[in-house]
Amino acid sequence: MPMQRQRKQQTKMLAGLQNGNVVVTSGGIVGTIIAVESDDTLVLRVKPDGVKLQVSRSSVSSLVTAEGKK
């Protein structure tokens, strides 16, 4: 039962991603979403050089909150 709840929360989080969100990918890359493409891909801007990466929406493992940045 807890696994189903966790999967629902993950699906809800992935569906709600939008520009400006800071996310962590399953590979550990932290970036800011700068574009949400129609084919379920995201464009992330990664610090410090501002490199743009295109990743699949499903590769996002978590959303970084304001409390997580402290």
Protein backbone atom coordinates (compact mmCIF):
# COMPACT_ATOMS: atom_id res chain seq x y z
CA MET A 1 0.00 0.00 0.00
CA PRO A 2 2.70 2.60 0.80
CA MET A 3 4.37 1.84 -2.55
CA GLN A 4 1.16 2.72 -4.41
CA ARG A 5 0.89 5.98 -2.50
CA GLN A 6 4.51 6.82 -3.33
CA ARG A 7 3.93 6.04 -7.02
CA LYS A 8 0.86 8.29 -7.09
CA GLN A 9 2.81 11.15 -5.49
CA GLN A 10 5.63 10.70 -8.04
CA THR A 11 3.14 10.73 -10.95
CA LYS A 12 1.42 13.83 -9.57
CA MET A 13 4.79 15.60 -9.14
CA LEU A 14 5.86 14.74 -12.71
CA ALA A 15 2.55 15.99 -14.13
CA GLY A 16 2.89 19.31 -12.27
CA LEU A 17 6.39 20.24 -13.46
CA GLN A 18 6.64 23.73 -14.92
CA ASN A 19 9.20 26.35 -15.92
CA GLY A 20 11.27 27.63 -13.02
CA ASN A 21 11.08 24.45 -10.93
CA VAL A 22 14.40 23.16 -9.63
CA VAL A 23 14.63 19.38 -10.01
CA VAL A 24 17.02 16.50 -9.42
CA THR A 25 17.28 13.79 -12.08
CA SER A 26 17.75 10.10 -11.37
CA GLY A 27 21.40 10.59 -12.36
CA GLY A 28 21.88 13.26 -9.69
CA ILE A 29 21.89 16.31 -11.97
CA VAL A 30 20.35 19.41 -10.40
CA GLY A 31 18.85 21.92 -12.81
CA THR A 32 16.16 24.52 -13.37
CA ILE A 33 13.43 23.76 -15.90
CA ILE A 34 13.50 26.35 -18.69
CA ALA A 35 11.18 24.57 -21.17
CA VAL A 36 8.59 21.81 -21.09
CA GLU A 37 8.35 20.15 -24.50
CA SER A 38 5.21 18.48 -25.85
CA ASP A 39 6.95 15.11 -26.31
CA ASP A 40 7.44 14.61 -22.52
CA THR A 41 10.92 16.06 -22.43
CA LEU A 42 12.26 18.92 -20.36
CA VAL A 43 15.09 21.36 -20.99
CA LEU A 44 17.13 22.02 -17.85
CA ARG A 45 19.67 24.77 -17.23
CA VAL A 46 22.50 23.48 -15.06
CA LYS A 47 24.78 25.68 -12.97
CA PRO A 48 27.50 27.02 -12.93
CA ASP A 49 27.96 27.45 -16.70
CA GLY A 50 24.29 27.55 -17.67
CA VAL A 51 24.54 24.42 -19.82
CA LYS A 52 21.21 23.30 -21.29
CA LEU A 53 20.31 19.60 -21.07
CA GLN A 54 17.31 17.86 -22.57
CA VAL A 55 15.97 15.06 -20.35
CA SER A 56 12.86 12.93 -20.30
CA ARG A 57 10.19 13.86 -17.80
CA SER A 58 10.38 10.38 -16.26
CA SER A 59 14.06 10.86 -15.39
CA VAL A 60 13.17 13.53 -12.80
CA SER A 61 13.38 11.92 -9.38
CA SER A 62 12.50 14.83 -7.11
CA LEU A 63 11.57 18.48 -6.89
CA VAL A 64 13.90 20.73 -4.87
CA THR A 65 11.87 22.87 -2.49
CA ALA A 66 12.84 26.18 -0.91
CA GLU A 67 13.52 24.33 2.38
CA GLY A 68 15.83 21.90 0.55
CA LYS A 69 18.06 24.71 -0.75
CA LYS A 70 19.11 25.94 2.71
